[in-house]
Structures are given as structure tokens and as C-alpha cells.
Protein backbone atom coordinates (compact mmCIF):
# COMPACT_ATOMS: atom_id res chain seq x y z
CA MET A 1 29.21 70.10 33.79
CA SER A 2 32.39 68.61 35.64
CA GLU A 3 35.34 70.19 33.97
CA GLU A 4 38.84 69.49 34.84
CA ILE A 5 41.87 71.70 32.87
CA LEU A 6 45.32 69.64 32.49
CA ILE A 7 48.44 71.70 32.40
CA ASN A 8 51.52 69.73 31.10
CA VAL A 9 55.02 72.10 30.92
CA THR A 10 58.08 70.87 29.24
CA PRO A 11 61.13 72.93 28.61
CA GLN A 12 60.38 72.84 25.04
CA GLU A 13 56.04 73.78 25.19
CA THR A 14 53.18 74.20 27.53
CA ARG A 15 49.92 72.10 26.75
CA VAL A 16 46.47 72.69 27.92
CA ALA A 17 43.52 70.17 28.02
CA ILE A 18 40.34 71.13 28.89
CA MET A 19 38.34 68.24 30.08
CA GLU A 20 34.68 67.59 30.48
CA GLN A 21 33.22 64.52 32.03
CA GLY A 22 36.39 63.08 31.72
CA VAL A 23 36.75 63.30 28.33
CA VAL A 24 38.94 65.82 26.35
CA GLN A 25 37.14 69.02 24.46
CA GLU A 26 39.89 71.42 23.82
CA LEU A 27 43.72 71.13 23.23
CA HIS A 28 46.13 74.43 23.33
CA ILE A 29 49.77 74.59 22.83
CA GLU A 30 52.47 77.05 23.10
CA ARG A 31 55.52 76.58 22.06
CA ASN A 32 58.77 78.88 23.47
CA GLY A 33 59.87 78.98 19.93
CA SER A 34 56.75 80.56 18.93
CA LEU A 35 54.49 81.84 21.56
CA GLY A 36 50.87 82.91 20.84
CA LEU A 37 50.17 86.39 19.54
CA VAL A 38 46.79 87.63 19.94
CA GLY A 39 46.45 90.32 22.19
CA ASN A 40 50.12 91.24 21.87
CA ILE A 41 50.56 95.31 21.29
CA TYR A 42 53.21 96.08 18.59
CA LYS A 43 54.31 99.91 17.57
CA GLY A 44 54.72 99.25 13.73
CA ALA A 45 55.44 100.87 10.76
CA VAL A 46 53.15 100.92 7.57
CA CYS A 47 54.92 99.33 4.65
CA ARG A 48 52.50 99.16 1.87
CA VAL A 49 48.79 100.69 1.68
CA LEU A 50 46.43 99.29 -0.46
CA PRO A 51 43.31 101.51 -1.82
CA GLY A 52 41.61 98.89 -4.22
CA MET A 53 41.65 96.61 -1.03
CA GLN A 54 40.96 99.04 1.70
CA SER A 55 43.41 97.35 3.67
CA ALA A 56 47.44 97.88 4.91
CA PHE A 57 50.09 95.72 5.24
CA VAL A 58 52.14 96.72 8.83
CA GLU A 59 55.79 95.74 9.56
CA ILE A 60 55.86 94.39 13.19
CA GLY A 61 58.93 92.73 13.59
CA LEU A 62 57.37 89.12 12.27
CA GLN A 63 58.41 87.04 9.70
CA ARG A 64 55.40 88.09 7.19
CA ALA A 65 53.82 91.96 7.52
CA ALA A 66 50.38 91.86 9.19
CA PHE A 67 47.31 93.13 7.51
CA LEU A 68 45.02 95.63 8.83
CA HIS A 69 41.54 96.29 7.20
CA VAL A 70 40.23 99.86 7.38
CA ALA A 71 37.14 98.04 9.36
CA ASP A 72 39.46 97.48 12.19
CA MET A 73 40.74 100.94 12.39
CA LEU A 74 39.62 103.24 15.15
CA GLU A 75 39.49 106.12 12.81
CA CYS A 76 37.20 104.85 10.77
CA SER A 77 35.01 102.84 12.70
CA GLY A 78 31.83 105.68 13.34
CA ASP A 79 29.19 106.24 11.43
CA HIS A 80 29.54 109.39 10.63
CA SER A 81 32.94 109.46 10.38
CA GLU A 82 34.03 106.76 7.71
CA LYS A 83 37.00 107.66 5.99
CA THR A 84 39.09 105.96 2.82
CA ILE A 85 42.29 103.84 4.34
CA GLN A 86 44.54 106.31 2.26
CA GLU A 87 42.99 109.26 4.00
CA VAL A 88 44.31 107.94 7.50
CA LEU A 89 47.50 106.19 6.59
CA GLN A 90 50.77 106.58 4.47
CA GLU A 91 53.68 104.49 3.75
CA GLY A 92 56.01 104.75 7.06
CA GLN A 93 53.53 106.01 9.32
CA PRO A 94 54.33 104.74 12.36
CA LEU A 95 51.13 102.73 14.14
CA ILE A 96 50.06 101.19 17.40
CA VAL A 97 48.04 98.19 16.71
CA GLN A 98 47.01 94.60 18.59
CA VAL A 99 47.17 91.12 16.96
CA ILE A 100 43.71 89.58 17.02
CA LYS A 101 44.51 87.02 14.74
CA GLU A 102 47.81 84.72 14.43
CA PRO A 103 49.48 84.11 11.36
CA ILE A 104 47.89 81.13 9.50
CA GLY A 105 49.27 79.57 6.73
CA THR A 106 50.76 81.54 4.36
CA LYS A 107 48.55 84.78 5.62
CA GLY A 108 50.48 87.19 8.00
CA ALA A 109 48.91 88.71 11.50
CA ARG A 110 45.85 90.38 11.39
CA LEU A 111 45.86 93.64 13.24
CA THR A 112 43.33 96.09 14.75
CA THR A 113 44.28 99.89 16.06
CA GLN A 114 40.79 99.08 18.50
CA ILE A 115 43.42 98.27 21.37
CA SER A 116 41.70 96.01 23.92
CA ILE A 117 43.16 94.71 27.33
CA ALA A 118 41.25 91.20 28.91
CA GLY A 119 41.09 91.11 32.78
CA ARG A 120 39.41 88.55 34.34
CA PHE A 121 36.24 89.53 34.46
CA LEU A 122 36.54 92.80 32.32
CA VAL A 123 37.38 93.97 29.03
CA TYR A 124 39.00 97.42 28.85
CA LEU A 125 38.65 99.57 25.79
CA PRO A 126 40.88 102.61 26.73
CA GLN A 127 39.81 104.53 23.24
CA GLN A 128 36.38 104.01 23.79
CA GLU A 129 33.61 104.98 25.72
CA HIS A 130 31.17 102.28 25.17
CA ILE A 131 30.02 99.50 28.15
CA GLY A 132 29.47 96.45 26.31
CA VAL A 133 28.27 93.12 27.79
CA SER A 134 29.51 89.47 26.26
CA GLN A 135 26.90 87.87 23.88
CA ARG A 136 26.96 84.53 25.44
CA ILE A 137 25.17 86.40 28.21
CA GLU A 138 21.67 86.61 26.65
CA ASP A 139 19.15 87.22 29.28
CA GLU A 140 18.24 91.29 28.36
CA ALA A 141 17.74 91.84 32.07
CA GLU A 142 20.87 90.52 33.75
CA ARG A 143 22.76 92.48 30.57
CA GLU A 144 20.79 95.70 32.16
CA LEU A 145 21.53 95.03 35.42
CA LEU A 146 25.40 94.06 34.74
CA ARG A 147 25.78 97.10 32.72
CA ASP A 148 24.02 99.22 35.77
CA ARG A 149 26.44 97.68 38.25
CA LEU A 150 29.42 98.68 36.58
CA LEU A 151 28.49 102.29 35.99
CA LYS A 152 27.57 102.59 39.81
CA LEU A 153 31.29 101.18 40.24
CA LEU A 154 32.95 103.18 37.71
CA PRO A 155 34.00 106.68 38.39
CA GLU A 156 32.17 109.84 36.58
CA ASP A 157 35.45 111.22 34.94
CA ARG A 158 36.35 107.65 33.83
CA GLU A 159 38.16 107.15 30.62
CA GLY A 160 37.43 104.54 28.04
CA GLY A 161 34.82 101.76 27.86
CA TYR A 162 34.13 98.02 28.99
CA ILE A 163 32.96 94.92 27.57
CA ILE A 164 31.88 92.92 30.81
CA ARG A 165 32.70 88.96 30.49
CA THR A 166 30.78 86.15 31.76
CA MET A 167 32.44 85.46 34.69
CA SER A 168 31.72 88.65 36.02
CA GLU A 169 28.13 87.52 37.04
CA THR A 170 29.27 85.96 39.90
CA ALA A 171 32.07 88.63 40.88
CA SER A 172 31.88 90.76 43.53
CA ASP A 173 32.29 94.57 43.65
CA GLU A 174 35.50 94.23 45.11
CA GLU A 175 36.75 91.81 42.24
CA LEU A 176 35.65 94.28 39.84
CA LEU A 177 37.35 97.24 41.04
CA ALA A 178 40.18 95.45 41.54
CA ASP A 179 39.91 93.91 37.86
CA ILE A 180 39.47 97.76 37.10
CA ASP A 181 42.63 99.07 38.61
CA TYR A 182 44.78 96.11 37.13
CA LEU A 183 43.52 97.30 33.62
CA GLN A 184 44.27 100.65 34.15
CA LYS A 185 47.67 100.38 35.37
CA VAL A 186 48.74 97.71 32.24
CA TRP A 187 47.18 100.55 29.86
CA ARG A 188 49.25 103.42 31.62
CA ASN A 189 52.50 100.90 31.00
CA ILE A 190 51.38 100.69 27.34
CA GLN A 191 51.62 104.43 26.81
CA GLU A 192 54.48 104.62 28.68
CA SER A 193 56.35 101.80 26.35
CA SER A 194 54.77 103.08 23.48
CA LYS A 195 56.34 106.36 23.60
CA MET A 196 60.01 104.91 24.13
CA ALA A 197 59.36 101.61 21.89
CA ALA A 198 61.37 101.61 18.14
CA ASN A 199 59.02 101.17 15.17
CA ARG A 200 58.56 97.32 14.58
CA SER A 201 59.02 96.55 18.22
CA LEU A 202 56.67 94.66 20.83
CA VAL A 203 55.02 97.13 23.05
CA PHE A 204 52.87 94.77 25.19
CA GLN A 205 52.60 90.87 25.69
CA ASP A 206 49.67 88.94 26.98
CA LEU A 207 49.77 86.45 29.31
CA ASN A 208 51.42 83.09 28.94
CA LEU A 209 49.36 80.09 28.19
CA PRO A 210 48.84 78.62 31.59
CA MET A 211 47.95 82.44 33.05
CA ARG A 212 45.65 82.97 30.08
CA VAL A 213 43.92 79.92 31.04
CA LEU A 214 43.34 81.19 34.87
CA ARG A 215 42.07 84.44 33.20
CA ASP A 216 40.08 83.21 31.12
CA VAL A 217 38.78 79.54 30.92
CA VAL A 218 38.41 78.46 34.78
CA SER A 219 34.68 79.40 35.30
CA ALA A 220 32.47 77.82 37.91
CA ASP A 221 32.10 74.48 36.47
CA THR A 222 36.00 73.87 37.00
CA ASP A 223 36.43 71.26 39.63
CA ARG A 224 40.45 71.72 39.79
CA ILE A 225 43.36 72.29 37.63
CA LEU A 226 46.32 69.86 37.74
CA VAL A 227 49.93 71.05 36.52
CA ASP A 228 52.94 69.12 36.39
CA SER A 229 55.32 71.68 36.89
CA ARG A 230 56.17 72.79 40.23
CA GLU A 231 57.50 76.27 39.29
CA THR A 232 54.59 76.69 37.18
CA TYR A 233 52.26 75.84 39.73
CA GLU A 234 54.11 78.27 42.46
CA LYS A 235 53.77 81.03 39.56
CA LEU A 236 49.86 80.30 39.31
CA VAL A 237 49.34 80.56 42.97
CA GLU A 238 50.76 83.85 42.85
CA PHE A 239 49.42 85.01 39.68
CA GLY A 240 45.99 83.45 40.88
CA GLU A 241 46.19 85.36 44.60
CA GLN A 242 46.31 88.78 42.60
CA TYR A 243 43.89 88.69 39.98
CA ALA A 244 41.64 84.90 39.99
CA GLN A 245 41.59 84.44 43.81
CA ARG A 246 38.48 81.94 43.30
CA ALA A 247 41.33 79.76 41.06
CA VAL A 248 43.62 79.22 43.49
CA GLN A 249 41.94 76.33 45.68
CA ARG A 250 41.26 74.53 42.14
CA LEU A 251 45.12 74.30 41.66
CA GLU A 252 46.94 70.93 42.41
CA HIS A 253 50.61 70.22 42.01
CA TYR A 254 50.54 66.57 39.97
CA GLN A 255 53.20 64.42 41.06
CA GLY A 256 52.14 61.29 39.89
CA VAL A 257 54.55 58.30 38.52
CA ARG A 258 52.72 58.39 35.38
CA PRO A 259 52.81 61.16 33.12
CA LEU A 260 49.76 63.30 33.37
CA PHE A 261 48.44 63.44 29.84
CA ASP A 262 48.98 59.57 29.60
CA MET A 263 46.88 59.41 33.14
CA TYR A 264 44.54 61.04 31.70
CA ASN A 265 44.32 59.59 27.94
CA VAL A 266 45.15 62.82 26.25
CA GLU A 267 48.28 61.37 24.48
CA ASN A 268 45.55 58.73 22.93
CA GLU A 269 42.96 61.37 21.92
CA ILE A 270 45.70 63.92 20.25
CA ARG A 271 47.01 60.92 18.15
CA LYS A 272 43.38 60.49 17.28
CA ALA A 273 42.81 64.05 16.58
CA MET A 274 45.08 63.51 13.66
CA ALA A 275 43.73 61.03 11.69
CA ARG A 276 41.30 61.70 8.72
CA LYS A 277 38.92 59.11 10.35
CA VAL A 278 36.86 59.34 13.53
CA GLU A 279 35.01 56.55 14.81
CA MET A 280 31.90 56.84 16.89
CA LYS A 281 30.68 54.69 19.59
CA SER A 282 27.61 53.18 17.28
CA GLY A 283 29.76 51.94 14.57
CA GLY A 284 29.26 55.04 12.55
CA TYR A 285 32.12 57.26 11.00
CA LEU A 286 33.25 60.73 10.69
CA ILE A 287 35.68 61.81 7.55
CA PHE A 288 37.47 65.12 7.99
CA ASP A 289 39.00 67.15 5.47
CA GLN A 290 40.61 70.31 5.98
CA THR A 291 41.66 72.54 2.84
CA GLU A 292 42.73 76.11 2.88
CA ALA A 293 39.42 77.48 2.01
CA LEU A 294 37.26 74.84 4.35
CA THR A 295 36.81 71.97 6.48
CA THR A 296 34.17 69.24 5.47
CA VAL A 297 32.77 66.44 7.39
CA ASP A 298 31.38 63.32 6.03
CA VAL A 299 29.04 61.22 7.80
CA ASN A 300 28.71 57.77 7.46
CA THR A 301 26.45 54.28 9.01
CA GLY A 302 29.36 52.38 9.08
CA SER A 303 28.52 48.94 11.04
CA PHE A 304 25.66 50.91 12.88
CA VAL A 305 22.40 48.43 12.14
CA ASN A 306 20.74 48.74 15.76
CA GLY A 307 18.08 51.09 14.49
CA LYS A 308 14.20 49.95 14.22
CA SER A 309 14.35 50.81 10.45
CA LEU A 310 16.35 52.15 7.99
CA SER A 311 15.02 55.55 8.81
CA ASP A 312 15.61 55.42 12.54
CA THR A 313 19.21 54.37 11.60
CA ILE A 314 20.05 57.16 10.06
CA PHE A 315 18.77 59.48 12.52
CA LYS A 316 20.59 58.24 15.44
CA THR A 317 24.07 58.13 13.12
CA ASN A 318 22.95 62.03 12.51
CA LEU A 319 22.30 62.98 16.14
CA GLU A 320 25.52 60.85 17.48
CA ALA A 321 27.52 62.53 14.53
CA ALA A 322 26.36 65.91 15.51
CA GLN A 323 27.92 65.56 19.02
CA CYS A 324 30.84 64.50 17.69
CA ILE A 325 31.46 66.79 15.36
CA ALA A 326 30.96 69.80 17.65
CA ARG A 327 33.51 68.13 20.07
CA GLN A 328 36.37 67.62 17.11
CA LEU A 329 35.87 70.84 15.95
CA ARG A 330 36.95 72.12 19.58
CA LEU A 331 39.65 69.49 20.19
CA ARG A 332 41.27 70.20 16.56
CA ASN A 333 40.44 74.18 16.74
CA LEU A 334 39.00 73.52 13.24
CA GLY A 335 37.96 77.22 11.72
CA GLY A 336 36.37 79.29 8.96
CA ILE A 337 34.15 77.85 7.00
CA ILE A 338 32.98 74.40 7.60
CA ILE A 339 30.77 71.79 5.63
CA ILE A 340 28.70 69.06 6.92
CA ASP A 341 26.72 66.45 4.87
CA PHE A 342 24.97 64.48 7.22
CA ILE A 343 23.08 61.16 5.82
CA ASP A 344 20.08 62.28 4.07
CA MET A 345 16.90 62.32 6.03
CA ASP A 346 13.71 62.52 4.76
CA GLU A 347 11.43 63.79 7.61
CA ASP A 348 11.86 67.58 8.73
CA GLU A 349 11.42 67.02 12.24
CA GLN A 350 14.63 64.51 12.23
CA ARG A 351 16.53 67.28 10.11
CA ALA A 352 15.45 70.11 13.10
CA ALA A 353 16.31 67.62 16.17
CA VAL A 354 19.98 66.79 14.41
CA LEU A 355 20.50 71.02 14.07
CA ASP A 356 18.88 71.41 17.92
CA GLU A 357 21.83 68.79 18.95
CA LEU A 358 24.14 70.42 16.81
CA ASN A 359 23.82 74.00 18.02
CA SER A 360 23.22 72.69 21.74
CA LYS A 361 26.78 71.30 21.83
CA LEU A 362 28.35 73.99 20.18
CA ALA A 363 26.90 76.23 22.52
CA ARG A 364 30.08 75.59 25.15
CA ASP A 365 32.52 76.41 22.36
CA ARG A 366 34.70 79.36 23.54
CA ALA A 367 34.52 80.39 20.09
CA ARG A 368 32.15 82.26 17.96
CA THR A 369 30.08 79.65 15.35
CA TRP A 370 27.04 80.25 13.44
CA VAL A 371 25.15 77.54 11.96
CA SER A 372 22.80 77.84 8.79
CA GLY A 373 19.81 74.92 8.13
CA PHE A 374 20.18 72.06 5.59
CA SER A 375 20.46 73.42 2.13
CA VAL A 376 18.59 72.34 -0.75
CA LEU A 377 21.43 69.72 -1.42
CA GLY A 378 20.93 68.45 2.24
CA LEU A 379 24.24 69.81 3.46
CA VAL A 380 24.68 72.27 6.59
CA GLU A 381 26.86 75.01 6.49
CA MET A 382 28.22 76.25 9.51
CA THR A 383 31.44 78.98 10.44
CA ARG A 384 33.51 79.03 13.23
CA LYS A 385 35.88 81.85 14.52
CA ARG A 386 39.52 81.38 13.77
CA THR A 387 42.03 83.20 15.41
CA ARG A 388 44.49 80.82 15.37
CA GLU A 389 46.43 77.13 13.42
CA SER A 390 44.12 74.20 13.52
CA LEU A 391 45.87 71.54 15.81
CA ALA A 392 47.09 69.55 12.61
CA HIS A 393 48.60 72.63 11.03
CA MET A 394 50.24 73.31 14.37
CA LEU A 395 51.40 69.69 15.23
CA CYS A 396 52.47 68.40 11.37
CA GLU A 397 53.31 69.17 7.67
CA PRO A 398 52.79 67.90 4.39
CA CYS A 399 53.69 64.71 3.54
CA ALA A 400 57.25 64.79 1.52
CA ALA A 401 55.95 61.96 -0.58
CA CYS A 402 52.67 63.60 -2.13
CA GLN A 403 52.71 66.89 -0.85
CA GLY A 404 49.88 66.79 0.95
CA ARG A 405 47.45 65.42 -1.23
CA GLY A 406 47.02 61.99 0.55
CA GLU A 407 47.77 60.06 -2.16
CA LEU A 408 50.38 58.57 -4.34
CA LYS A 409 50.97 57.69 -7.87
CA THR A 410 51.18 53.97 -8.33
CA ALA A 411 54.27 51.92 -8.74
CA GLN A 412 52.94 51.29 -12.53
CA THR A 413 52.13 55.29 -13.54
CA VAL A 414 55.80 55.85 -12.62
CA CYS A 415 57.02 53.43 -14.51
CA TYR A 416 55.45 54.85 -17.57
CA GLU A 417 56.54 57.96 -16.95
CA ILE A 418 60.35 56.82 -16.71
CA LEU A 419 59.51 55.23 -20.04
CA ARG A 420 58.50 58.38 -21.66
CA GLU A 421 61.13 60.00 -19.85
CA LEU A 422 64.11 57.36 -21.26
CA LEU A 423 62.42 58.16 -24.74
CA ARG A 424 62.73 61.90 -24.35
CA HIS A 425 66.06 61.89 -23.11
CA ALA A 426 67.18 59.33 -25.76
CA ARG A 427 66.24 61.96 -28.36
CA GLN A 428 67.94 65.07 -26.55
CA PHE A 429 71.03 63.65 -25.74
CA SER A 430 73.62 61.34 -26.91
CA ALA A 431 74.85 58.71 -23.87
CA ARG A 432 76.38 55.50 -23.73
CA GLU A 433 73.98 54.03 -21.57
CA PHE A 434 71.05 55.71 -19.23
CA ARG A 435 70.71 54.69 -15.48
CA VAL A 436 67.59 54.66 -14.13
CA ILE A 437 67.89 55.16 -10.03
CA ALA A 438 63.84 55.31 -8.09
CA SER A 439 62.60 53.19 -5.20
CA PRO A 440 62.63 49.34 -4.92
CA LYS A 441 58.92 48.98 -5.54
CA VAL A 442 59.59 50.89 -8.96
CA ILE A 443 62.57 48.95 -9.81
CA ASP A 444 61.09 45.58 -8.90
CA LEU A 445 57.93 46.61 -11.35
CA LEU A 446 60.41 47.47 -14.13
CA MET A 447 62.63 43.97 -13.64
CA ASP A 448 59.74 41.74 -13.41
CA GLU A 449 56.09 43.00 -15.20
CA GLU A 450 57.38 45.95 -16.86
CA SER A 451 60.61 43.89 -17.96
CA GLN A 452 59.58 43.25 -21.73
CA SER A 453 58.61 47.45 -22.02
CA LEU A 454 62.11 48.47 -20.94
CA ALA A 455 63.31 45.88 -23.53
CA ASN A 456 61.38 46.94 -26.21
CA LEU A 457 62.40 50.55 -25.46
CA SER A 458 66.64 49.67 -25.11
CA ASP A 459 65.98 48.20 -28.50
CA PHE A 460 63.95 51.08 -29.97
CA ILE A 461 66.33 54.07 -28.85
CA GLY A 462 69.58 51.55 -29.72
CA LYS A 463 71.13 52.39 -26.06
CA PRO A 464 71.21 49.73 -22.48
CA VAL A 465 69.43 50.78 -19.81
CA SER A 466 70.19 49.72 -16.26
CA LEU A 467 68.55 49.96 -12.91
CA GLN A 468 69.31 51.11 -9.43
CA ALA A 469 67.50 50.73 -6.49
CA ASP A 470 67.66 53.32 -3.67
CA LEU A 471 65.53 53.41 -0.59
CA GLN A 472 66.02 57.20 0.03
CA TYR A 473 63.88 57.59 -3.20
CA ALA A 474 60.12 57.80 -2.35
CA GLN A 475 57.57 56.34 -4.99
CA GLU A 476 56.76 59.45 -7.25
CA SER A 477 60.58 60.18 -7.10
CA PHE A 478 63.31 58.86 -9.93
CA GLU A 479 66.24 60.40 -11.71
CA ILE A 480 68.00 59.14 -15.47
CA VAL A 481 71.62 59.29 -15.21
CA LEU A 482 73.38 60.04 -18.40
CA LEU A 483 76.63 57.58 -18.49
């Protein structure tokens, strides 16, 4: 499948769009004030051990303490040497850790003591002896062939293990040896740095976003990589000549008059990815609702009526929805538990076809996914590995007016709250007059439809009530001032 990578660089942030057949599939953003943390290695200090949860909090110099579970500790990962976390960690103990998941929401970063260093073709595991193969390479014969090939290239007295990445399938022996040499040098530098580093300090920082793209994303399907910054382009060429030679010939410096993301309609796709409703070409639509615990996707036929029958219309809508959902999950970077409410289908063959289509489109997702069958209630449950914030959480914040609910109290509801609050104030305080300050819409309603209610209350409490509209007040906000 034809793939293009667009890299837009500004002094404040770098954005990368991955295009397939001219359509945006993924968007990655890295801001200079908050660079990505996954892959970074720190010398941390244990600040709290939680035996009940078999976990610990580790200070690594970030705003929040990071989380380390016993399952992610090298000392406790063996089948025959399982230990409790209180046996291997004490408060104040220094610890070399690596970030495996970004801080998300109110949760701190997730850590591991099992260090791994990614190269273009291999991942180096300096503390282990295991030779593994990427799960994306499914053919068992090919897996064994790659494992045997790497073992022949490695010295007999090798230290550490490796995971063979999918891109190694087309790599030459010289490229694999160069990758091994690069990873060994990086590990030696990390060891030297960790000896001199203070607690709660960064020991190793992973590559920046454009270089990670060259290392991890570029594949045989990539036709070209457009970069709109000459400085970044030159750095990528220099990096590529050392570590990703096949990617260099695909690098191009974009010098067009129109902004790169405008030229390829990426800005418009970003705006759509912020919306709750996603229109499909057929006329059907999807509704995405993201909560802290999970994401729900609701499929609707909308105006689509071109099927031969109602059953055919529903089936075609669900097929298109499966394709659209797979793309939206990548574009929005939605992770964790995802519940999909397809339109009810009566035939098992149709349900199986929709699941096959969903799995087929998810196969190109770089994040690990798992999809269950249809539940008794007709829902599809799936998970997608989450290592960083979703696009919405990165670019948006909860609405100050509704606090993220997505709904506002009506002006009439607020009016009745004001009337109840006036009565409460009249009983608690002795004032010459009460003044209500609220949004213009609420004040207009109090002066018009609810004017009789306000007059009756004023007579009942025996005090005048004046009204003041203020544009700075949200619809739900109001204040009662005692005069």
C-alpha cells in the first residue's frame, strides 16, 4: 500500500502525518515543552513501596511520581525466582528505570527495570539473553530463519539479548551488524552516564520525533518523506546515512508556497478528529464518546438507504463503519478498552464478515490490538495498547462552562436555582437589597418569562431584587450580591 510521511516543523512543535492512499491514518505531535518520554531511561529513587498492590512509586524528576509494578521488574520476572516487591525494593533506593507508558490523565508514567534499546532492525535487551522475533512476523518458518541468521552474526561471547523487528526481513547482514554495533555503543554510554548521574535525573533520552519516524515507521511501503524544514531535513539526511540508509533516498525537502499540512488536507482531518460525530461516505455516521475508563463507538445508518433491503443496508453500513473505526482509532490514538455498538445484524455470516473487515483494517495498526466477537448484547469489545495521550487529550482541555460533560443546564434551570438561592440568602442574611449577576440569557429570562416569579419572591422576602447581565459569566454561573 502506498504510504507518504509528512513532517511539519515549527519552533514550538513537530507534527508527523502518515498518509495511506492520500488519506491521513496517523498523527503524531511532539511539543518542545513536553517531549515524549517513552524509551527514556532515568536514575530514579523509590519514594513509596505498596505491598498490597505489589508496586512502587519512583521519583524520576517529573511532575508526578512514576509507577512501577512488580511484573515489570527484572528481578521478579523469572518463573523460578519470583519475589515480592518489598523483598527487592526499599524507600530511598536508587533504581535505573525506563519509561514504557507516558503520563496519561492523572496517572504518572509507567516504568520498567527491563531496559530495551530500539534500533532500526533490532531491539537490544542488555539484561537478558533471549533472542525473540516481532509478533508481526507470523510465519513460524520465517521466524526461525531470522533467529538463526542473527545468531550467526552475533559473537559467541555476546552479552544481552535481541528482538528482531519486522524491518529486518529485508535488511542485509552489513545493516544488521551496523545496528548491533550502534546498540552496543548506546548501552555503554548509558552505563557510563548512570554511574555519574544523580538520583531523579535523565540518563538517556530517546530520539526526537522525526528521527524516531525514520527509525521505526519508514518501511518498504513508504514512497516518500516530505519535510518542510531545511534544518530538520538536513539532520534527517545525516542521521539516515548512518542508521537508515534506505530511507535517505525517500527524503524530500518540501518548499511549496502552501503549508505542507494544508496542501495534503491534514489540517482539516485534525479538525474532524476533534469532533464527536464522524460522517461516513454512504451517509451513515459514527459517534465517539471518550471517558477515562473506556471509549464507546456507536454506529448509525443516518441517511444511507441504498441497500436492497433493510438487512443489506445495515450490513453495508457496518462494513464501512469497521473500516472507518480502524482508521479513527489510529488517527485519534484511542487506547484502552473500546466498545463498538454496530447496528444489530440477524445473520451470523454478516457478523463474521464485519469482524473480519475490522481485524483486516486493524492489522496495519502499529499499536497492539485485540478484538473479541459479538457479545450477547451485540457489542464488540476490543483493546488497543495505549502508550501516550489521545489526540483529543493532547490538543484539547475540558470546557470551562460544562466541565467536560458536553451539556449545559438550560437558562430556565439556572433561573430556578437563582430563585432558590435568593430565598436561602434572605433567611440567612439581613440585606437592604439583593443583586443577581448572571449571563445575559439568564437575566433576559428573569426579566421576561420568569418576571412574575421573581416579583412574587421579592414580595415574599420583603426585599428588592435587582438584575445585572455580565458577558463574562457562563450560562451556569451566577452570583448573588448583598447590598
